[in-house]
Every structure is written in C-alpha cells, then in structure tokens.
Amino acid sequence: MKHDIRNREDIVILVDAFYQKIIKDDVIGFIFNDVVHVDWKAHLPRMYDFWENILFYTGNFDGNPMSTHKSLNQRVPMDFTHFNRWNTIFFETVDALFKGEKAEEIKKRALNISKAMMDKALN
C-alpha cells in the first residue's frame, strides 16, 4: 500500500526513481547523458535538498535553478515538449510510489516550477 511523502528518505526514493527514468528517456535523456554530463554524486543530493525544501520548507537548498536552466537552454534549446515530458515522468513516478496530500502537493509545485522555468528559460 502506498503512503504519502513523509520525509527526506521518501524524497530520496522519489528523486532516485525519477532520474533512473529520465536518463533512459528518448525525449530528454540526451540532455542529462550527452549535453550536461551530470555528476550524479553531486547532482542527486542537491535535488534531494531542493525537493525536501520545496515540500517541507527545510531551508537546506541554496541555488538558482532558473539561472541553471536558462544557461542550459542556451546550449540545448528546450521547448514545451521537453518540459511536458519532464512533468509526465515526474507525475508518473510520484503516482507509482506515493499517494496523499504531499504527493499531490509536490506534483502541483513541480508543475508551477516547470512553467516558470519554461517561461524564463525560453524567453
């Protein structure tokens, strides 16, 4: 039985499962595999901090995701297809693992963040 997202350990499970799907994805996997050459040992803990802060207001994330994505867009022009695919995979991952108020909240927050990023990265 699924439970709601309760803590950092659940965030780690979500983020790890999500990126396992992303790196294999035909639409956006190339960004992580071929363009950015992500250092996963550094990236994943930052994503844990980011999502933990987004959901539980921990204050443990220090960064500028908007700037990062704007810079990435200069290297690889992104469009609605890329952002939509990211959201689809994120939502599917949340729904496969969790159910509850925080699970719904993280999906809403992810959608709002991706919309803002798309607006800023593409303009």
N, C-alpha and C. Protein backbone atom coordinates (compact mmCIF):
# COMPACT_ATOMS: atom_id res chain seq x y z
N MET A 1 0.83 -1.19 0.00
CA MET A 1 0.00 0.00 0.00
C MET A 1 0.88 1.26 0.00
N LYS A 2 0.52 2.20 -0.82
CA LYS A 2 1.27 3.45 -0.93
C LYS A 2 0.97 4.34 0.28
N HIS A 3 1.99 5.10 0.65
CA HIS A 3 1.80 6.10 1.70
C HIS A 3 2.19 7.46 1.12
N ASP A 4 1.92 8.50 1.87
CA ASP A 4 2.26 9.85 1.43
C ASP A 4 3.77 10.08 1.57
N ILE A 5 4.26 11.13 0.96
CA ILE A 5 5.65 11.53 1.11
C ILE A 5 5.78 12.13 2.51
N ARG A 6 6.64 11.51 3.34
CA ARG A 6 6.70 11.89 4.75
C ARG A 6 7.98 12.59 5.17
N ASN A 7 9.09 12.36 4.43
CA ASN A 7 10.37 12.82 4.94
C ASN A 7 11.43 12.77 3.83
N ARG A 8 12.66 13.09 4.20
CA ARG A 8 13.76 13.09 3.23
C ARG A 8 13.96 11.71 2.61
N GLU A 9 13.81 10.67 3.38
CA GLU A 9 14.00 9.32 2.84
C GLU A 9 13.03 9.06 1.68
N ASP A 10 11.81 9.54 1.81
CA ASP A 10 10.85 9.39 0.72
C ASP A 10 11.24 10.26 -0.48
N ILE A 11 11.76 11.44 -0.21
CA ILE A 11 12.24 12.31 -1.29
C ILE A 11 13.38 11.61 -2.05
N VAL A 12 14.29 10.99 -1.33
CA VAL A 12 15.41 10.26 -1.96
C VAL A 12 14.86 9.16 -2.86
N ILE A 13 13.91 8.40 -2.38
CA ILE A 13 13.30 7.33 -3.18
C ILE A 13 12.69 7.90 -4.45
N LEU A 14 11.95 8.98 -4.31
CA LEU A 14 11.30 9.62 -5.46
C LEU A 14 12.32 10.13 -6.47
N VAL A 15 13.27 10.90 -6.00
CA VAL A 15 14.26 11.51 -6.89
C VAL A 15 15.09 10.44 -7.60
N ASP A 16 15.53 9.44 -6.87
CA ASP A 16 16.32 8.36 -7.49
C ASP A 16 15.51 7.64 -8.57
N ALA A 17 14.27 7.31 -8.27
CA ALA A 17 13.42 6.61 -9.25
C ALA A 17 13.17 7.50 -10.47
N PHE A 18 12.93 8.76 -10.23
CA PHE A 18 12.68 9.72 -11.31
C PHE A 18 13.88 9.80 -12.26
N TYR A 19 15.07 10.00 -11.72
CA TYR A 19 16.23 10.14 -12.58
C TYR A 19 16.61 8.84 -13.26
N GLN A 20 16.29 7.70 -12.68
CA GLN A 20 16.52 6.44 -13.38
C GLN A 20 15.67 6.38 -14.65
N LYS A 21 14.48 6.95 -14.60
CA LYS A 21 13.62 7.01 -15.79
C LYS A 21 14.12 8.07 -16.78
N ILE A 22 14.51 9.21 -16.25
CA ILE A 22 14.94 10.33 -17.09
C ILE A 22 16.12 9.94 -17.98
N ILE A 23 17.12 9.31 -17.38
CA ILE A 23 18.33 9.02 -18.16
C ILE A 23 18.09 8.01 -19.28
N LYS A 24 16.98 7.28 -19.21
CA LYS A 24 16.64 6.30 -20.25
C LYS A 24 15.62 6.85 -21.25
N ASP A 25 15.14 8.06 -21.00
CA ASP A 25 14.05 8.60 -21.81
C ASP A 25 14.53 9.05 -23.19
N ASP A 26 13.73 8.73 -24.21
CA ASP A 26 14.07 9.07 -25.59
C ASP A 26 13.95 10.56 -25.90
N VAL A 27 13.13 11.28 -25.13
CA VAL A 27 12.89 12.69 -25.42
C VAL A 27 13.89 13.60 -24.71
N ILE A 28 14.14 13.37 -23.43
CA ILE A 28 15.01 14.28 -22.68
C ILE A 28 16.24 13.63 -22.07
N GLY A 29 16.38 12.35 -22.17
CA GLY A 29 17.54 11.67 -21.60
C GLY A 29 18.85 12.19 -22.13
N PHE A 30 18.88 12.57 -23.41
CA PHE A 30 20.12 13.05 -24.02
C PHE A 30 20.67 14.28 -23.31
N ILE A 31 19.79 15.11 -22.75
CA ILE A 31 20.24 16.33 -22.06
C ILE A 31 21.14 15.95 -20.89
N PHE A 32 20.74 14.94 -20.15
CA PHE A 32 21.48 14.52 -18.96
C PHE A 32 22.67 13.65 -19.32
N ASN A 33 22.54 12.88 -20.39
CA ASN A 33 23.59 11.93 -20.76
C ASN A 33 24.65 12.51 -21.69
N ASP A 34 24.23 13.35 -22.62
CA ASP A 34 25.14 13.80 -23.67
C ASP A 34 25.51 15.27 -23.60
N VAL A 35 24.65 16.09 -23.07
CA VAL A 35 24.89 17.54 -23.08
C VAL A 35 25.52 17.99 -21.77
N VAL A 36 24.88 17.68 -20.67
CA VAL A 36 25.33 18.17 -19.38
C VAL A 36 26.40 17.27 -18.77
N HIS A 37 26.35 15.99 -19.07
CA HIS A 37 27.27 15.02 -18.44
C HIS A 37 27.20 15.17 -16.92
N VAL A 38 26.03 14.91 -16.40
CA VAL A 38 25.73 15.12 -14.98
C VAL A 38 26.65 14.31 -14.08
N ASP A 39 27.18 14.97 -13.07
CA ASP A 39 27.90 14.31 -11.98
C ASP A 39 26.83 13.90 -10.97
N TRP A 40 26.37 12.67 -11.07
CA TRP A 40 25.23 12.21 -10.28
C TRP A 40 25.50 12.24 -8.78
N LYS A 41 26.75 12.01 -8.38
CA LYS A 41 27.07 12.04 -6.95
C LYS A 41 26.89 13.44 -6.37
N ALA A 42 27.06 14.45 -7.18
CA ALA A 42 26.85 15.83 -6.74
C ALA A 42 25.41 16.28 -6.99
N HIS A 43 24.85 15.88 -8.14
CA HIS A 43 23.52 16.36 -8.54
C HIS A 43 22.40 15.81 -7.66
N LEU A 44 22.42 14.52 -7.40
CA LEU A 44 21.31 13.92 -6.66
C LEU A 44 21.13 14.51 -5.26
N PRO A 45 22.18 14.66 -4.46
CA PRO A 45 21.98 15.29 -3.15
C PRO A 45 21.42 16.71 -3.24
N ARG A 46 21.80 17.44 -4.28
CA ARG A 46 21.22 18.79 -4.47
C ARG A 46 19.74 18.70 -4.79
N MET A 47 19.35 17.68 -5.55
CA MET A 47 17.93 17.50 -5.86
C MET A 47 17.15 17.04 -4.63
N TYR A 48 17.77 16.21 -3.80
CA TYR A 48 17.12 15.83 -2.54
C TYR A 48 16.85 17.09 -1.72
N ASP A 49 17.88 17.94 -1.60
CA ASP A 49 17.74 19.18 -0.83
C ASP A 49 16.66 20.07 -1.44
N PHE A 50 16.67 20.20 -2.77
CA PHE A 50 15.71 21.06 -3.46
C PHE A 50 14.29 20.62 -3.16
N TRP A 51 13.99 19.34 -3.41
CA TRP A 51 12.62 18.87 -3.25
C TRP A 51 12.20 18.79 -1.78
N GLU A 52 13.15 18.48 -0.91
CA GLU A 52 12.84 18.49 0.51
C GLU A 52 12.47 19.91 0.95
N ASN A 53 13.19 20.88 0.48
CA ASN A 53 12.89 22.27 0.80
C ASN A 53 11.55 22.69 0.21
N ILE A 54 11.29 22.30 -1.02
CA ILE A 54 10.02 22.65 -1.68
C ILE A 54 8.83 22.08 -0.90
N LEU A 55 8.95 20.86 -0.43
CA LEU A 55 7.81 20.19 0.21
C LEU A 55 7.73 20.43 1.71
N PHE A 56 8.88 20.53 2.37
CA PHE A 56 8.89 20.62 3.84
C PHE A 56 9.52 21.91 4.37
N TYR A 57 9.88 22.83 3.47
CA TYR A 57 10.41 24.14 3.86
C TYR A 57 11.60 24.03 4.83
N THR A 58 12.55 23.20 4.47
CA THR A 58 13.70 22.96 5.34
C THR A 58 14.75 24.07 5.26
N GLY A 59 14.76 24.83 4.18
CA GLY A 59 15.76 25.86 4.00
C GLY A 59 17.14 25.32 3.69
N ASN A 60 17.22 24.05 3.29
CA ASN A 60 18.52 23.42 3.06
C ASN A 60 18.98 23.45 1.60
N PHE A 61 18.29 24.21 0.75
CA PHE A 61 18.72 24.31 -0.64
C PHE A 61 19.21 25.72 -0.92
N ASP A 62 20.39 25.80 -1.51
CA ASP A 62 20.94 27.08 -1.89
C ASP A 62 21.36 26.97 -3.35
N GLY A 63 20.65 27.62 -4.22
CA GLY A 63 20.96 27.54 -5.63
C GLY A 63 20.01 28.40 -6.43
N ASN A 64 20.24 28.44 -7.73
CA ASN A 64 19.41 29.23 -8.63
C ASN A 64 19.01 28.37 -9.83
N PRO A 65 17.96 27.57 -9.66
CA PRO A 65 17.54 26.69 -10.76
C PRO A 65 17.16 27.44 -12.03
N MET A 66 16.61 28.64 -11.89
CA MET A 66 16.22 29.40 -13.07
C MET A 66 17.45 29.74 -13.92
N SER A 67 18.48 30.22 -13.29
CA SER A 67 19.71 30.56 -13.99
C SER A 67 20.32 29.33 -14.65
N THR A 68 20.33 28.23 -13.93
CA THR A 68 20.88 26.98 -14.45
C THR A 68 20.15 26.55 -15.71
N HIS A 69 18.82 26.61 -15.69
CA HIS A 69 18.05 26.17 -16.85
C HIS A 69 18.12 27.16 -18.00
N LYS A 70 18.25 28.44 -17.69
CA LYS A 70 18.42 29.42 -18.75
C LYS A 70 19.74 29.18 -19.48
N SER A 71 20.78 28.91 -18.71
CA SER A 71 22.09 28.61 -19.29
C SER A 71 22.03 27.32 -20.12
N LEU A 72 21.34 26.32 -19.60
CA LEU A 72 21.18 25.06 -20.34
C LEU A 72 20.45 25.29 -21.66
N ASN A 73 19.43 26.14 -21.62
CA ASN A 73 18.67 26.42 -22.83
C ASN A 73 19.52 27.07 -23.91
N GLN A 74 20.55 27.79 -23.52
CA GLN A 74 21.47 28.38 -24.50
C GLN A 74 22.30 27.31 -25.18
N ARG A 75 22.55 26.21 -24.48
CA ARG A 75 23.32 25.10 -25.05
C ARG A 75 22.44 24.16 -25.86
N VAL A 76 21.26 23.89 -25.33
CA VAL A 76 20.30 23.00 -25.98
C VAL A 76 18.94 23.68 -25.92
N PRO A 77 18.49 24.24 -27.02
CA PRO A 77 17.18 24.90 -26.99
C PRO A 77 16.09 23.92 -26.55
N MET A 78 15.39 24.32 -25.50
CA MET A 78 14.32 23.49 -24.96
C MET A 78 12.98 24.09 -25.37
N ASP A 79 11.99 23.23 -25.48
CA ASP A 79 10.66 23.70 -25.83
C ASP A 79 9.63 23.00 -24.95
N PHE A 80 8.37 23.27 -25.23
CA PHE A 80 7.29 22.70 -24.44
C PHE A 80 7.38 21.18 -24.37
N THR A 81 7.82 20.54 -25.43
CA THR A 81 7.93 19.08 -25.46
C THR A 81 8.84 18.58 -24.34
N HIS A 82 9.97 19.24 -24.15
CA HIS A 82 10.92 18.83 -23.12
C HIS A 82 10.33 19.00 -21.71
N PHE A 83 9.73 20.17 -21.46
CA PHE A 83 9.15 20.42 -20.15
C PHE A 83 7.95 19.51 -19.88
N ASN A 84 7.14 19.29 -20.91
CA ASN A 84 6.00 18.40 -20.76
C ASN A 84 6.44 16.98 -20.44
N ARG A 85 7.49 16.52 -21.11
CA ARG A 85 7.99 15.17 -20.85
C ARG A 85 8.53 15.05 -19.43
N TRP A 86 9.26 16.08 -18.97
CA TRP A 86 9.78 16.09 -17.60
C TRP A 86 8.62 15.96 -16.62
N ASN A 87 7.57 16.75 -16.82
CA ASN A 87 6.40 16.70 -15.93
C ASN A 87 5.71 15.34 -15.98
N THR A 88 5.57 14.80 -17.16
CA THR A 88 4.91 13.49 -17.29
C THR A 88 5.66 12.42 -16.51
N ILE A 89 6.96 12.38 -16.66
CA ILE A 89 7.77 11.38 -15.95
C ILE A 89 7.73 11.63 -14.45
N PHE A 90 7.80 12.89 -14.04
CA PHE A 90 7.75 13.21 -12.61
C PHE A 90 6.42 12.77 -12.02
N PHE A 91 5.33 13.12 -12.66
CA PHE A 91 4.00 12.75 -12.16
C PHE A 91 3.83 11.23 -12.10
N GLU A 92 4.26 10.55 -13.15
CA GLU A 92 4.16 9.07 -13.17
C GLU A 92 4.96 8.46 -12.03
N THR A 93 6.12 9.01 -11.75
CA THR A 93 6.97 8.49 -10.69
C THR A 93 6.33 8.73 -9.33
N VAL A 94 5.84 9.93 -9.10
CA VAL A 94 5.15 10.22 -7.83
C VAL A 94 3.98 9.26 -7.66
N ASP A 95 3.14 9.14 -8.69
CA ASP A 95 1.93 8.31 -8.59
C ASP A 95 2.26 6.83 -8.40
N ALA A 96 3.37 6.37 -8.96
CA ALA A 96 3.75 4.96 -8.81
C ALA A 96 4.21 4.64 -7.39
N LEU A 97 4.74 5.65 -6.70
CA LEU A 97 5.36 5.41 -5.40
C LEU A 97 4.54 5.90 -4.20
N PHE A 98 3.78 6.97 -4.39
CA PHE A 98 3.15 7.63 -3.25
C PHE A 98 1.70 8.01 -3.52
N LYS A 99 0.99 8.23 -2.43
CA LYS A 99 -0.40 8.68 -2.53
C LYS A 99 -0.70 9.51 -1.29
N GLY A 100 -1.25 10.71 -1.52
CA GLY A 100 -1.63 11.53 -0.38
C GLY A 100 -1.47 13.01 -0.66
N GLU A 101 -1.67 13.80 0.38
CA GLU A 101 -1.64 15.26 0.27
C GLU A 101 -0.29 15.78 -0.20
N LYS A 102 0.79 15.31 0.38
CA LYS A 102 2.12 15.78 -0.01
C LYS A 102 2.47 15.31 -1.42
N ALA A 103 2.03 14.13 -1.81
CA ALA A 103 2.26 13.64 -3.17
C ALA A 103 1.57 14.55 -4.19
N GLU A 104 0.36 14.96 -3.88
CA GLU A 104 -0.35 15.88 -4.77
C GLU A 104 0.31 17.26 -4.76
N GLU A 105 0.76 17.69 -3.59
CA GLU A 105 1.41 18.99 -3.48
C GLU A 105 2.70 19.05 -4.29
N ILE A 106 3.51 17.99 -4.22
CA ILE A 106 4.78 18.02 -4.95
C ILE A 106 4.53 18.06 -6.46
N LYS A 107 3.48 17.42 -6.92
CA LYS A 107 3.16 17.48 -8.34
C LYS A 107 2.72 18.89 -8.74
N LYS A 108 1.91 19.52 -7.92
CA LYS A 108 1.48 20.89 -8.21
C LYS A 108 2.67 21.84 -8.20
N ARG A 109 3.53 21.68 -7.22
CA ARG A 109 4.71 22.56 -7.13
C ARG A 109 5.63 22.33 -8.32
N ALA A 110 5.81 21.07 -8.72
CA ALA A 110 6.66 20.75 -9.87
C ALA A 110 6.10 21.39 -11.14
N LEU A 111 4.80 21.32 -11.32
CA LEU A 111 4.17 21.92 -12.50
C LEU A 111 4.37 23.43 -12.51
N ASN A 112 4.16 24.07 -11.37
CA ASN A 112 4.35 25.52 -11.29
C ASN A 112 5.80 25.92 -11.55
N ILE A 113 6.73 25.15 -10.99
CA ILE A 113 8.15 25.44 -11.19
C ILE A 113 8.52 25.25 -12.66
N SER A 114 8.06 24.18 -13.26
CA SER A 114 8.41 23.95 -14.67
C SER A 114 7.81 25.02 -15.58
N LYS A 115 6.60 25.48 -15.26
CA LYS A 115 6.01 26.57 -16.06
C LYS A 115 6.86 27.83 -15.95
N ALA A 116 7.28 28.16 -14.74
CA ALA A 116 8.11 29.34 -14.53
C ALA A 116 9.45 29.18 -15.24
N MET A 117 10.03 27.99 -15.15
CA MET A 117 11.31 27.74 -15.82
C MET A 117 11.15 27.83 -17.33
N MET A 118 10.07 27.29 -17.85
CA MET A 118 9.87 27.34 -19.28
C MET A 118 9.74 28.79 -19.72
N ASP A 119 8.98 29.58 -18.99
CA ASP A 119 8.82 30.98 -19.34
C ASP A 119 10.16 31.72 -19.30
N LYS A 120 10.94 31.49 -18.27
CA LYS A 120 12.21 32.21 -18.10
C LYS A 120 13.32 31.65 -18.99
N ALA A 121 13.37 30.33 -19.12
CA ALA A 121 14.43 29.71 -19.91
C ALA A 121 14.25 29.98 -21.40
N LEU A 122 13.01 30.07 -21.82
CA LEU A 122 12.75 30.20 -23.25
C LEU A 122 12.61 31.64 -23.70
N ASN A 123 12.62 32.56 -22.77
CA ASN A 123 12.45 33.98 -23.14
C ASN A 123 13.68 34.78 -22.79
